[in-house]
Amino acid sequence: MAKGKERKPRPIITYALIAAMALIHLYLTLIPPEETLLFYQTYSLFPARLFDGIYIDTLLTHVFLHGNWVHLIVNCASLLGAGVIVETDLGHLKFLGAFITSGTIAGLSHSLLNPPSTVPIIGASGAIFGVIAVLFLLMPFKITYALIIPLPSVAVGLILSIIELYSLYTPTDLTIAHDAHIAGFAFGCIYAFTVDKKRALKGLVVALIVLAVMYYIGVAYGVI
């Protein structure tokens, strides 16, 4: 009797992460304002406080907090667009590893670059950038809705990288931790190589070719 096709895992971790973030935010909108403030003060990532050895767990907990519904919805939509594909391809544990470690590294990198800062950071963006980076290198031609518009993941990765690098050096919104986004993406690329070096190397070559073509078109049409 012939074996059937191997069943791909359902992206239950992606759905669980989205549900957890949504439920936490809903809870924070329902409790009294003073309790909400205390919750944010306890679980947000404060770089200065981190290096005093206080609330080290906030390297992880800050990932699950969001400032408002728009912040939450944008992150959840991006995670859904990239996470479903990555988890289905890599499996639950490797996907979760990419999300958690990218988010933690993103928060730590921001803290190392801004050690005296008492401005808290929250949100899953760094973790999601890591997941997108894995998708970008391992599955460059997969169509993703991470940017709402359906695009190949190589295009999404390059677009986000360019935007974030530009935003880091010409900041227009100081409330956004672009350095954390870049760190999450960079770690996600490293993580992709640990998962499958050959696929990641091929994805990197594809990305460099696409980037060169984009640059050539930009120069030819006077955009660059």
N, C-alpha and C. Protein backbone atom coordinates (compact mmCIF):
# COMPACT_ATOMS: atom_id res chain seq x y z
N MET A 1 0.85 -1.20 0.00
CA MET A 1 0.00 0.00 0.00
C MET A 1 0.88 1.25 0.00
N ALA A 2 0.66 2.13 -0.94
CA ALA A 2 1.49 3.32 -1.05
C ALA A 2 1.19 4.29 0.07
N LYS A 3 2.26 4.94 0.52
CA LYS A 3 2.10 5.95 1.58
C LYS A 3 1.55 7.24 0.98
N GLY A 4 0.69 7.88 1.73
CA GLY A 4 0.16 9.16 1.28
C GLY A 4 1.16 10.27 1.53
N LYS A 5 0.84 11.44 1.06
CA LYS A 5 1.71 12.58 1.27
C LYS A 5 1.79 12.91 2.77
N GLU A 6 2.99 13.30 3.17
CA GLU A 6 3.19 13.68 4.57
C GLU A 6 2.38 14.94 4.88
N ARG A 7 1.62 14.88 5.92
CA ARG A 7 0.77 16.02 6.28
C ARG A 7 1.60 17.14 6.89
N LYS A 8 1.38 18.35 6.41
CA LYS A 8 2.06 19.51 6.96
C LYS A 8 1.41 19.89 8.28
N PRO A 9 2.21 20.35 9.24
CA PRO A 9 1.62 20.73 10.52
C PRO A 9 0.74 21.97 10.39
N ARG A 10 -0.36 21.97 11.11
CA ARG A 10 -1.20 23.16 11.12
C ARG A 10 -0.52 24.26 11.94
N PRO A 11 -0.68 25.51 11.54
CA PRO A 11 0.04 26.60 12.22
C PRO A 11 -0.60 27.00 13.56
N ILE A 12 -0.72 26.03 14.46
CA ILE A 12 -1.42 26.29 15.72
C ILE A 12 -0.66 27.27 16.62
N ILE A 13 0.67 27.28 16.52
CA ILE A 13 1.46 28.20 17.35
C ILE A 13 1.24 29.63 16.88
N THR A 14 1.19 29.83 15.57
CA THR A 14 0.91 31.17 15.04
C THR A 14 -0.43 31.68 15.56
N TYR A 15 -1.45 30.84 15.47
CA TYR A 15 -2.78 31.24 15.94
C TYR A 15 -2.77 31.47 17.46
N ALA A 16 -2.04 30.63 18.18
CA ALA A 16 -1.99 30.77 19.65
C ALA A 16 -1.30 32.07 20.05
N LEU A 17 -0.23 32.43 19.35
CA LEU A 17 0.48 33.69 19.66
C LEU A 17 -0.41 34.89 19.39
N ILE A 18 -1.12 34.86 18.27
CA ILE A 18 -2.04 35.96 17.94
C ILE A 18 -3.15 36.05 18.98
N ALA A 19 -3.69 34.91 19.36
CA ALA A 19 -4.76 34.89 20.37
C ALA A 19 -4.26 35.42 21.71
N ALA A 20 -3.05 35.01 22.10
CA ALA A 20 -2.49 35.46 23.38
C ALA A 20 -2.31 36.97 23.39
N MET A 21 -1.76 37.52 22.31
CA MET A 21 -1.54 38.98 22.26
C MET A 21 -2.86 39.73 22.28
N ALA A 22 -3.85 39.20 21.55
CA ALA A 22 -5.16 39.86 21.50
C ALA A 22 -5.86 39.81 22.85
N LEU A 23 -5.80 38.67 23.52
CA LEU A 23 -6.45 38.52 24.83
C LEU A 23 -5.79 39.40 25.89
N ILE A 24 -4.47 39.48 25.84
CA ILE A 24 -3.76 40.35 26.79
C ILE A 24 -4.17 41.80 26.59
N HIS A 25 -4.23 42.23 25.33
CA HIS A 25 -4.60 43.63 25.08
C HIS A 25 -6.05 43.89 25.47
N LEU A 26 -6.92 42.94 25.17
CA LEU A 26 -8.32 43.09 25.57
C LEU A 26 -8.43 43.20 27.09
N TYR A 27 -7.71 42.36 27.79
CA TYR A 27 -7.72 42.39 29.26
C TYR A 27 -7.28 43.77 29.77
N LEU A 28 -6.25 44.33 29.13
CA LEU A 28 -5.72 45.63 29.59
C LEU A 28 -6.69 46.77 29.30
N THR A 29 -7.59 46.58 28.34
CA THR A 29 -8.59 47.62 28.07
C THR A 29 -9.78 47.53 29.02
N LEU A 30 -9.91 46.40 29.70
CA LEU A 30 -11.08 46.18 30.56
C LEU A 30 -10.81 46.47 32.04
N ILE A 31 -9.55 46.38 32.46
CA ILE A 31 -9.24 46.61 33.87
C ILE A 31 -9.11 48.11 34.13
N PRO A 32 -9.16 48.55 35.39
CA PRO A 32 -9.02 49.98 35.70
C PRO A 32 -7.70 50.56 35.18
N PRO A 33 -7.68 51.82 34.79
CA PRO A 33 -6.49 52.46 34.20
C PRO A 33 -5.24 52.33 35.07
N GLU A 34 -5.40 52.46 36.40
CA GLU A 34 -4.22 52.37 37.26
C GLU A 34 -3.61 50.96 37.23
N GLU A 35 -4.45 49.95 37.10
CA GLU A 35 -3.95 48.58 37.00
C GLU A 35 -3.29 48.33 35.65
N THR A 36 -3.85 48.95 34.61
CA THR A 36 -3.26 48.85 33.27
C THR A 36 -1.87 49.46 33.27
N LEU A 37 -1.74 50.64 33.88
CA LEU A 37 -0.45 51.32 33.95
C LEU A 37 0.57 50.48 34.70
N LEU A 38 0.16 49.89 35.81
CA LEU A 38 1.06 49.05 36.60
C LEU A 38 1.50 47.83 35.79
N PHE A 39 0.58 47.27 35.03
CA PHE A 39 0.90 46.10 34.19
C PHE A 39 1.96 46.46 33.16
N TYR A 40 1.77 47.59 32.48
CA TYR A 40 2.75 48.04 31.49
C TYR A 40 4.09 48.34 32.15
N GLN A 41 4.07 48.96 33.31
CA GLN A 41 5.32 49.28 34.01
C GLN A 41 6.07 48.03 34.44
N THR A 42 5.33 46.97 34.71
CA THR A 42 5.94 45.73 35.18
C THR A 42 6.48 44.88 34.04
N TYR A 43 5.77 44.84 32.92
CA TYR A 43 6.12 43.88 31.87
C TYR A 43 6.69 44.50 30.60
N SER A 44 6.76 45.84 30.51
CA SER A 44 7.42 46.47 29.38
C SER A 44 8.94 46.41 29.57
N LEU A 45 9.69 46.57 28.48
CA LEU A 45 11.15 46.50 28.55
C LEU A 45 11.73 47.91 28.69
N PHE A 46 12.34 48.17 29.85
CA PHE A 46 13.04 49.43 30.11
C PHE A 46 14.53 49.13 30.06
N PRO A 47 15.28 49.63 29.07
CA PRO A 47 16.72 49.32 28.98
C PRO A 47 17.49 49.62 30.26
N ALA A 48 17.29 50.79 30.86
CA ALA A 48 18.04 51.15 32.06
C ALA A 48 17.75 50.19 33.20
N ARG A 49 16.51 49.81 33.34
CA ARG A 49 16.11 48.90 34.41
C ARG A 49 16.66 47.50 34.17
N LEU A 50 16.73 47.11 32.90
CA LEU A 50 17.25 45.79 32.56
C LEU A 50 18.69 45.63 33.01
N PHE A 51 19.50 46.66 32.80
CA PHE A 51 20.91 46.57 33.15
C PHE A 51 21.18 46.77 34.63
N ASP A 52 20.14 47.09 35.36
CA ASP A 52 20.23 47.08 36.83
C ASP A 52 19.87 45.71 37.37
N GLY A 53 19.60 44.77 36.45
CA GLY A 53 19.27 43.41 36.84
C GLY A 53 17.84 43.24 37.30
N ILE A 54 16.98 44.22 36.94
CA ILE A 54 15.59 44.18 37.36
C ILE A 54 14.71 43.79 36.17
N TYR A 55 13.79 42.88 36.43
CA TYR A 55 12.82 42.48 35.41
C TYR A 55 13.49 41.99 34.11
N ILE A 56 14.43 41.06 34.22
CA ILE A 56 15.07 40.49 33.05
C ILE A 56 14.04 39.75 32.18
N ASP A 57 12.99 39.26 32.81
CA ASP A 57 11.95 38.55 32.07
C ASP A 57 11.24 39.44 31.06
N THR A 58 11.40 40.77 31.19
CA THR A 58 10.73 41.67 30.24
C THR A 58 11.34 41.59 28.84
N LEU A 59 12.52 40.95 28.71
CA LEU A 59 13.06 40.70 27.38
C LEU A 59 12.09 39.86 26.56
N LEU A 60 11.29 39.06 27.24
CA LEU A 60 10.27 38.24 26.57
C LEU A 60 8.88 38.85 26.69
N THR A 61 8.51 39.30 27.89
CA THR A 61 7.14 39.74 28.11
C THR A 61 6.77 40.97 27.28
N HIS A 62 7.75 41.82 26.96
CA HIS A 62 7.42 43.03 26.19
C HIS A 62 6.88 42.70 24.80
N VAL A 63 7.23 41.51 24.31
CA VAL A 63 6.80 41.08 22.98
C VAL A 63 5.28 40.96 22.89
N PHE A 64 4.63 40.63 24.01
CA PHE A 64 3.20 40.35 24.01
C PHE A 64 2.34 41.57 24.36
N LEU A 65 2.97 42.72 24.54
CA LEU A 65 2.24 43.95 24.86
C LEU A 65 2.20 44.88 23.65
N HIS A 66 1.10 45.62 23.53
CA HIS A 66 0.95 46.58 22.43
C HIS A 66 0.32 47.86 22.94
N GLY A 67 0.68 48.96 22.27
CA GLY A 67 0.24 50.26 22.75
C GLY A 67 -1.22 50.58 22.48
N ASN A 68 -1.75 50.06 21.39
CA ASN A 68 -3.15 50.32 21.04
C ASN A 68 -3.62 49.24 20.07
N TRP A 69 -4.89 49.31 19.69
CA TRP A 69 -5.46 48.28 18.83
C TRP A 69 -4.83 48.29 17.44
N VAL A 70 -4.48 49.47 16.93
CA VAL A 70 -3.86 49.55 15.60
C VAL A 70 -2.51 48.84 15.62
N HIS A 71 -1.72 49.12 16.65
CA HIS A 71 -0.41 48.47 16.82
C HIS A 71 -0.58 46.95 16.85
N LEU A 72 -1.55 46.50 17.60
CA LEU A 72 -1.81 45.06 17.73
C LEU A 72 -2.25 44.45 16.40
N ILE A 73 -3.21 45.08 15.73
CA ILE A 73 -3.76 44.54 14.49
C ILE A 73 -2.70 44.46 13.39
N VAL A 74 -1.88 45.50 13.28
CA VAL A 74 -0.81 45.49 12.27
C VAL A 74 0.16 44.34 12.53
N ASN A 75 0.56 44.17 13.80
CA ASN A 75 1.49 43.10 14.12
C ASN A 75 0.87 41.72 13.91
N CYS A 76 -0.38 41.57 14.31
CA CYS A 76 -1.06 40.28 14.14
C CYS A 76 -1.22 39.93 12.66
N ALA A 77 -1.55 40.93 11.84
CA ALA A 77 -1.70 40.69 10.41
C ALA A 77 -0.36 40.27 9.79
N SER A 78 0.72 40.91 10.21
CA SER A 78 2.05 40.58 9.70
C SER A 78 2.46 39.18 10.14
N LEU A 79 2.19 38.86 11.41
CA LEU A 79 2.54 37.54 11.92
C LEU A 79 1.73 36.46 11.21
N LEU A 80 0.46 36.72 10.97
CA LEU A 80 -0.37 35.76 10.27
C LEU A 80 0.15 35.52 8.85
N GLY A 81 0.53 36.62 8.17
CA GLY A 81 1.00 36.52 6.80
C GLY A 81 2.29 35.74 6.65
N ALA A 82 3.19 35.86 7.63
CA ALA A 82 4.48 35.17 7.55
C ALA A 82 4.50 33.90 8.38
N GLY A 83 3.88 33.95 9.55
CA GLY A 83 3.97 32.83 10.49
C GLY A 83 3.35 31.55 10.00
N VAL A 84 2.21 31.66 9.34
CA VAL A 84 1.53 30.46 8.83
C VAL A 84 2.45 29.69 7.88
N ILE A 85 3.13 30.41 6.99
CA ILE A 85 4.00 29.77 6.01
C ILE A 85 5.22 29.15 6.69
N VAL A 86 5.85 29.91 7.58
CA VAL A 86 7.07 29.43 8.24
C VAL A 86 6.77 28.24 9.14
N GLU A 87 5.71 28.33 9.93
CA GLU A 87 5.39 27.22 10.83
C GLU A 87 5.00 25.97 10.05
N THR A 88 4.25 26.12 8.98
CA THR A 88 3.85 24.98 8.16
C THR A 88 5.07 24.29 7.55
N ASP A 89 6.07 25.08 7.20
CA ASP A 89 7.27 24.52 6.57
C ASP A 89 8.25 23.95 7.60
N LEU A 90 8.50 24.66 8.68
CA LEU A 90 9.54 24.26 9.64
C LEU A 90 9.02 23.41 10.79
N GLY A 91 7.74 23.51 11.08
CA GLY A 91 7.20 22.82 12.25
C GLY A 91 7.05 23.77 13.43
N HIS A 92 6.34 23.30 14.44
CA HIS A 92 5.97 24.15 15.57
C HIS A 92 7.17 24.67 16.36
N LEU A 93 8.08 23.78 16.75
CA LEU A 93 9.16 24.16 17.65
C LEU A 93 10.16 25.11 16.99
N LYS A 94 10.53 24.82 15.76
CA LYS A 94 11.48 25.70 15.07
C LYS A 94 10.87 27.07 14.81
N PHE A 95 9.59 27.09 14.48
CA PHE A 95 8.92 28.38 14.29
C PHE A 95 8.87 29.16 15.60
N LEU A 96 8.46 28.49 16.67
CA LEU A 96 8.39 29.17 17.97
C LEU A 96 9.78 29.65 18.39
N GLY A 97 10.79 28.84 18.10
CA GLY A 97 12.16 29.25 18.42
C GLY A 97 12.55 30.52 17.69
N ALA A 98 12.16 30.62 16.42
CA ALA A 98 12.46 31.82 15.64
C ALA A 98 11.77 33.04 16.23
N PHE A 99 10.50 32.88 16.60
CA PHE A 99 9.72 34.00 17.14
C PHE A 99 10.27 34.48 18.48
N ILE A 100 10.46 33.54 19.40
CA ILE A 100 10.88 33.90 20.76
C ILE A 100 12.29 34.46 20.78
N THR A 101 13.23 33.77 20.11
CA THR A 101 14.61 34.24 20.15
C THR A 101 14.79 35.56 19.40
N SER A 102 14.09 35.74 18.30
CA SER A 102 14.19 37.00 17.55
C SER A 102 13.65 38.16 18.39
N GLY A 103 12.52 37.93 19.07
CA GLY A 103 11.95 38.98 19.91
C GLY A 103 12.86 39.33 21.08
N THR A 104 13.46 38.31 21.67
CA THR A 104 14.36 38.53 22.81
C THR A 104 15.63 39.26 22.37
N ILE A 105 16.22 38.81 21.27
CA ILE A 105 17.43 39.44 20.75
C ILE A 105 17.16 40.88 20.33
N ALA A 106 15.98 41.12 19.75
CA ALA A 106 15.62 42.47 19.34
C ALA A 106 15.57 43.40 20.55
N GLY A 107 14.93 42.94 21.63
CA GLY A 107 14.85 43.74 22.84
C GLY A 107 16.20 43.96 23.48
N LEU A 108 17.02 42.91 23.51
CA LEU A 108 18.36 43.02 24.10
C LEU A 108 19.23 43.97 23.29
N SER A 109 19.16 43.88 21.97
CA SER A 109 19.96 44.75 21.11
C SER A 109 19.59 46.21 21.30
N HIS A 110 18.29 46.49 21.36
CA HIS A 110 17.85 47.86 21.61
C HIS A 110 18.37 48.36 22.95
N SER A 111 18.34 47.49 23.95
CA SER A 111 18.81 47.87 25.28
C SER A 111 20.31 48.14 25.30
N LEU A 112 21.07 47.31 24.58
CA LEU A 112 22.52 47.50 24.51
C LEU A 112 22.88 48.79 23.80
N LEU A 113 22.07 49.17 22.82
CA LEU A 113 22.33 50.40 22.07
C LEU A 113 21.82 51.64 22.80
N ASN A 114 20.92 51.43 23.77
CA ASN A 114 20.34 52.56 24.52
C ASN A 114 20.32 52.24 26.02
N PRO A 115 21.49 51.95 26.61
CA PRO A 115 21.52 51.47 28.00
C PRO A 115 20.96 52.42 29.05
N PRO A 116 21.07 53.75 28.89
CA PRO A 116 20.51 54.61 29.94
C PRO A 116 19.03 54.93 29.76
N SER A 117 18.41 54.43 28.68
CA SER A 117 17.05 54.82 28.35
C SER A 117 16.03 54.32 29.37
N THR A 118 15.15 55.22 29.75
CA THR A 118 14.03 54.87 30.64
C THR A 118 12.72 54.84 29.86
N VAL A 119 12.84 54.88 28.54
CA VAL A 119 11.66 54.80 27.67
C VAL A 119 11.38 53.33 27.39
N PRO A 120 10.22 52.83 27.75
CA PRO A 120 9.93 51.40 27.55
C PRO A 120 9.66 51.06 26.09
N ILE A 121 9.94 49.82 25.71
CA ILE A 121 9.53 49.35 24.39
C ILE A 121 8.60 48.15 24.57
N ILE A 122 7.63 48.07 23.70
CA ILE A 122 6.67 46.96 23.72
C ILE A 122 6.37 46.56 22.28
N GLY A 123 5.84 45.37 22.11
CA GLY A 123 5.39 44.94 20.80
C GLY A 123 6.15 43.75 20.24
N ALA A 124 5.49 43.05 19.34
CA ALA A 124 6.05 41.83 18.75
C ALA A 124 6.81 42.08 17.46
N SER A 125 7.03 43.34 17.11
CA SER A 125 7.65 43.65 15.81
C SER A 125 9.00 42.98 15.62
N GLY A 126 9.86 43.04 16.63
CA GLY A 126 11.19 42.42 16.51
C GLY A 126 11.09 40.93 16.26
N ALA A 127 10.18 40.27 16.97
CA ALA A 127 9.98 38.84 16.78
C ALA A 127 9.44 38.54 15.39
N ILE A 128 8.51 39.36 14.92
CA ILE A 128 7.91 39.16 13.61
C ILE A 128 8.93 39.41 12.50
N PHE A 129 9.79 40.40 12.68
CA PHE A 129 10.85 40.65 11.71
C PHE A 129 11.75 39.43 11.60
N GLY A 130 11.99 38.75 12.72
CA GLY A 130 12.79 37.54 12.68
C GLY A 130 12.12 36.44 11.88
N VAL A 131 10.82 36.28 12.07
CA VAL A 131 10.05 35.27 11.32
C VAL A 131 10.06 35.60 9.82
N ILE A 132 9.89 36.88 9.50
CA ILE A 132 9.91 37.30 8.10
C ILE A 132 11.29 37.03 7.48
N ALA A 133 12.36 37.22 8.26
CA ALA A 133 13.71 36.95 7.76
C ALA A 133 13.90 35.48 7.44
N VAL A 134 13.36 34.61 8.27
CA VAL A 134 13.43 33.17 8.00
C VAL A 134 12.71 32.85 6.70
N LEU A 135 11.52 33.42 6.54
CA LEU A 135 10.75 33.24 5.30
C LEU A 135 11.51 33.80 4.11
N PHE A 136 12.10 34.95 4.27
CA PHE A 136 12.86 35.67 3.24
C PHE A 136 14.01 34.82 2.68
N LEU A 137 14.74 34.11 3.56
CA LEU A 137 15.89 33.34 3.10
C LEU A 137 15.54 31.90 2.70
N LEU A 138 14.65 31.26 3.44
CA LEU A 138 14.36 29.86 3.17
C LEU A 138 13.31 29.66 2.08
N MET A 139 12.43 30.62 1.92
CA MET A 139 11.35 30.49 0.93
C MET A 139 11.15 31.81 0.19
N PRO A 140 12.18 32.26 -0.56
CA PRO A 140 12.14 33.60 -1.16
C PRO A 140 11.02 33.85 -2.15
N PHE A 141 10.50 32.80 -2.77
CA PHE A 141 9.46 32.99 -3.78
C PHE A 141 8.05 32.72 -3.27
N LYS A 142 7.93 32.38 -1.99
CA LYS A 142 6.61 32.18 -1.39
C LYS A 142 5.86 33.51 -1.33
N ILE A 143 4.60 33.49 -1.72
CA ILE A 143 3.78 34.70 -1.64
C ILE A 143 3.28 34.86 -0.22
N THR A 144 3.50 36.05 0.34
CA THR A 144 3.07 36.32 1.71
C THR A 144 2.25 37.59 1.78
N TYR A 145 1.36 37.64 2.76
CA TYR A 145 0.55 38.84 3.01
C TYR A 145 1.08 39.62 4.21
N ALA A 146 2.37 39.45 4.52
CA ALA A 146 2.94 40.13 5.68
C ALA A 146 2.85 41.65 5.57
N LEU A 147 2.83 42.17 4.34
CA LEU A 147 2.65 43.62 4.11
C LEU A 147 1.26 43.92 3.54
N ILE A 148 0.32 42.99 3.81
CA ILE A 148 -1.08 43.08 3.36
C ILE A 148 -1.20 42.78 1.87
N ILE A 149 -0.41 43.46 1.03
CA ILE A 149 -0.42 43.19 -0.41
C ILE A 149 0.36 41.90 -0.66
N PRO A 150 -0.18 40.97 -1.45
CA PRO A 150 0.55 39.73 -1.72
C PRO A 150 1.83 39.98 -2.51
N LEU A 151 2.97 39.57 -1.94
CA LEU A 151 4.28 39.77 -2.56
C LEU A 151 5.17 38.56 -2.28
N PRO A 152 6.15 38.29 -3.14
CA PRO A 152 7.12 37.25 -2.82
C PRO A 152 7.90 37.65 -1.56
N SER A 153 8.24 36.69 -0.75
CA SER A 153 8.88 37.02 0.53
C SER A 153 10.23 37.71 0.34
N VAL A 154 10.92 37.44 -0.78
CA VAL A 154 12.19 38.13 -1.02
C VAL A 154 11.95 39.63 -1.18
N ALA A 155 10.85 40.00 -1.83
CA ALA A 155 10.53 41.42 -2.00
C ALA A 155 10.16 42.04 -0.66
N VAL A 156 9.39 41.30 0.15
CA VAL A 156 9.00 41.81 1.47
C VAL A 156 10.23 42.04 2.34
N GLY A 157 11.15 41.07 2.35
CA GLY A 157 12.35 41.20 3.16
C GLY A 157 13.20 42.38 2.75
N LEU A 158 13.38 42.56 1.45
CA LEU A 158 14.19 43.68 0.96
C LEU A 158 13.52 45.02 1.23
N ILE A 159 12.23 45.10 1.00
CA ILE A 159 11.50 46.35 1.24
C ILE A 159 11.59 46.75 2.70
N LEU A 160 11.34 45.80 3.60
CA LEU A 160 11.39 46.10 5.03
C LEU A 160 12.80 46.47 5.47
N SER A 161 13.81 45.79 4.94
CA SER A 161 15.20 46.09 5.30
C SER A 161 15.57 47.51 4.90
N ILE A 162 15.21 47.89 3.68
CA ILE A 162 15.52 49.23 3.19
C ILE A 162 14.81 50.30 4.00
N ILE A 163 13.52 50.06 4.26
CA ILE A 163 12.74 51.03 5.04
C ILE A 163 13.32 51.20 6.44
N GLU A 164 13.64 50.08 7.09
CA GLU A 164 14.13 50.15 8.47
C GLU A 164 15.51 50.79 8.55
N LEU A 165 16.40 50.47 7.62
CA LEU A 165 17.73 51.09 7.63
C LEU A 165 17.63 52.58 7.37
N TYR A 166 16.77 52.95 6.43
CA TYR A 166 16.57 54.37 6.15
C TYR A 166 15.98 55.09 7.36
N SER A 167 14.99 54.44 8.00
CA SER A 167 14.33 55.04 9.17
C SER A 167 15.27 55.15 10.36
N LEU A 168 16.23 54.23 10.46
CA LEU A 168 17.18 54.27 11.57
C LEU A 168 18.09 55.48 11.47
N TYR A 169 18.50 55.81 10.25
CA TYR A 169 19.44 56.92 10.06
C TYR A 169 18.76 58.26 9.80
N THR A 170 17.48 58.22 9.45
CA THR A 170 16.72 59.46 9.29
C THR A 170 15.40 59.32 10.05
N PRO A 171 15.49 59.25 11.38
CA PRO A 171 14.28 58.99 12.18
C PRO A 171 13.25 60.11 12.08
N THR A 172 12.00 59.69 11.87
CA THR A 172 10.89 60.65 11.84
C THR A 172 9.92 60.39 12.99
N ASP A 173 9.97 59.18 13.55
CA ASP A 173 9.10 58.82 14.66
C ASP A 173 9.96 58.17 15.74
N LEU A 174 10.27 58.93 16.78
CA LEU A 174 11.17 58.45 17.83
C LEU A 174 10.51 57.42 18.75
N THR A 175 9.21 57.17 18.55
CA THR A 175 8.52 56.17 19.38
C THR A 175 8.69 54.76 18.82
N ILE A 176 9.28 54.64 17.63
CA ILE A 176 9.48 53.32 17.01
C ILE A 176 10.93 52.91 17.15
N ALA A 177 11.16 51.71 17.68
CA ALA A 177 12.53 51.20 17.89
C ALA A 177 13.00 50.48 16.63
N HIS A 178 13.46 51.25 15.65
CA HIS A 178 13.90 50.65 14.39
C HIS A 178 15.11 49.74 14.59
N ASP A 179 15.96 50.07 15.57
CA ASP A 179 17.12 49.21 15.82
C ASP A 179 16.69 47.81 16.27
N ALA A 180 15.60 47.73 17.01
CA ALA A 180 15.08 46.43 17.44
C ALA A 180 14.55 45.63 16.24
N HIS A 181 13.90 46.32 15.33
CA HIS A 181 13.39 45.66 14.12
C HIS A 181 14.54 45.07 13.30
N ILE A 182 15.59 45.88 13.12
CA ILE A 182 16.76 45.43 12.34
C ILE A 182 17.45 44.26 13.03
N ALA A 183 17.56 44.34 14.35
CA ALA A 183 18.20 43.26 15.11
C ALA A 183 17.39 41.97 15.00
N GLY A 184 16.07 42.08 15.09
CA GLY A 184 15.21 40.91 14.95
C GLY A 184 15.36 40.28 13.58
N PHE A 185 15.41 41.11 12.55
CA PHE A 185 15.56 40.62 11.18
C PHE A 185 16.92 39.96 11.00
N ALA A 186 17.98 40.61 11.51
CA ALA A 186 19.33 40.07 11.37
C ALA A 186 19.45 38.71 12.06
N PHE A 187 18.87 38.62 13.27
CA PHE A 187 18.93 37.33 13.97
C PHE A 187 18.12 36.27 13.24
N GLY A 188 16.98 36.68 12.67
CA GLY A 188 16.17 35.74 11.90
C GLY A 188 16.95 35.16 10.73
N CYS A 189 17.79 35.98 10.09
CA CYS A 189 18.63 35.50 8.99
C CYS A 189 19.63 34.47 9.50
N ILE A 190 20.23 34.76 10.65
CA ILE A 190 21.18 33.81 11.25
C ILE A 190 20.46 32.52 11.60
N TYR A 191 19.28 32.64 12.16
CA TYR A 191 18.49 31.48 12.54
C TYR A 191 18.18 30.62 11.31
N ALA A 192 17.88 31.26 10.18
CA ALA A 192 17.58 30.53 8.95
C ALA A 192 18.76 29.65 8.54
N PHE A 193 19.97 30.16 8.70
CA PHE A 193 21.16 29.39 8.35
C PHE A 193 21.34 28.20 9.29
N THR A 194 20.94 28.33 10.54
CA THR A 194 21.05 27.20 11.47
C THR A 194 20.02 26.12 11.15
N VAL A 195 18.90 26.52 10.56
CA VAL A 195 17.84 25.57 10.21
C VAL A 195 18.20 24.80 8.95
N ASP A 196 18.62 25.52 7.90
CA ASP A 196 18.94 24.87 6.63
C ASP A 196 19.94 25.76 5.88
N LYS A 197 21.22 25.45 6.03
CA LYS A 197 22.27 26.30 5.47
C LYS A 197 22.18 26.42 3.95
N LYS A 198 21.91 25.30 3.26
CA LYS A 198 21.87 25.32 1.80
C LYS A 198 20.72 26.18 1.28
N ARG A 199 19.55 26.00 1.87
CA ARG A 199 18.40 26.80 1.44
C ARG A 199 18.62 28.27 1.74
N ALA A 200 19.18 28.56 2.90
CA ALA A 200 19.42 29.95 3.29
C ALA A 200 20.43 30.61 2.36
N LEU A 201 21.46 29.87 1.96
CA LEU A 201 22.47 30.41 1.06
C LEU A 201 21.86 30.70 -0.31
N LYS A 202 21.02 29.80 -0.80
CA LYS A 202 20.33 30.02 -2.07
C LYS A 202 19.42 31.25 -1.96
N GLY A 203 18.73 31.37 -0.82
CA GLY A 203 17.86 32.52 -0.62
C GLY A 203 18.63 33.82 -0.59
N LEU A 204 19.84 33.79 -0.01
CA LEU A 204 20.68 34.98 0.04
C LEU A 204 21.13 35.39 -1.36
N VAL A 205 21.49 34.40 -2.18
CA VAL A 205 21.88 34.69 -3.56
C VAL A 205 20.72 35.30 -4.33
N VAL A 206 19.52 34.73 -4.16
CA VAL A 206 18.32 35.27 -4.81
C VAL A 206 18.10 36.72 -4.37
N ALA A 207 18.23 36.98 -3.08
CA ALA A 207 18.01 38.33 -2.55
C ALA A 207 19.02 39.32 -3.13
N LEU A 208 20.28 38.92 -3.26
CA LEU A 208 21.30 39.80 -3.82
C LEU A 208 21.03 40.11 -5.28
N ILE A 209 20.57 39.10 -6.02
CA ILE A 209 20.23 39.31 -7.44
C ILE A 209 19.06 40.27 -7.58
N VAL A 210 18.02 40.04 -6.76
CA VAL A 210 16.83 40.91 -6.80
C VAL A 210 17.21 42.33 -6.40
N LEU A 211 18.05 42.46 -5.38
CA LEU A 211 18.50 43.79 -4.93
C LEU A 211 19.26 44.50 -6.04
N ALA A 212 20.12 43.76 -6.75
CA ALA A 212 20.89 44.35 -7.84
C ALA A 212 19.96 44.83 -8.96
N VAL A 213 18.94 44.02 -9.26
CA VAL A 213 17.98 44.40 -10.30
C VAL A 213 17.20 45.64 -9.87
N MET A 214 16.78 45.67 -8.60
CA MET A 214 16.06 46.84 -8.08
C MET A 214 16.92 48.09 -8.17
N TYR A 215 18.20 47.95 -7.84
CA TYR A 215 19.12 49.09 -7.89
C TYR A 215 19.29 49.58 -9.33
N TYR A 216 19.45 48.62 -10.25
CA TYR A 216 19.63 48.98 -11.66
C TYR A 216 18.40 49.72 -12.19
N ILE A 217 17.21 49.21 -11.86
CA ILE A 217 15.97 49.86 -12.30
C ILE A 217 15.85 51.25 -11.67
N GLY A 218 16.21 51.34 -10.40
CA GLY A 218 16.16 52.62 -9.71
C GLY A 218 17.07 53.67 -10.34
N VAL A 219 18.28 53.25 -10.71
CA VAL A 219 19.23 54.16 -11.36
C VAL A 219 18.74 54.51 -12.76
N ALA A 220 18.25 53.50 -13.48
CA ALA A 220 17.80 53.73 -14.86
C ALA A 220 16.65 54.73 -14.94
N TYR A 221 15.77 54.71 -13.94
CA TYR A 221 14.60 55.60 -13.94
C TYR A 221 14.79 56.82 -13.05
N GLY A 222 16.02 57.02 -12.57
CA GLY A 222 16.32 58.21 -11.79
C GLY A 222 15.74 58.24 -10.40
N VAL A 223 15.33 57.06 -9.89
CA VAL A 223 14.78 57.01 -8.53
C VAL A 223 15.90 57.08 -7.51
N ILE A 224 17.02 56.48 -7.83
CA ILE A 224 18.19 56.47 -6.95
C ILE A 224 19.22 57.47 -7.44
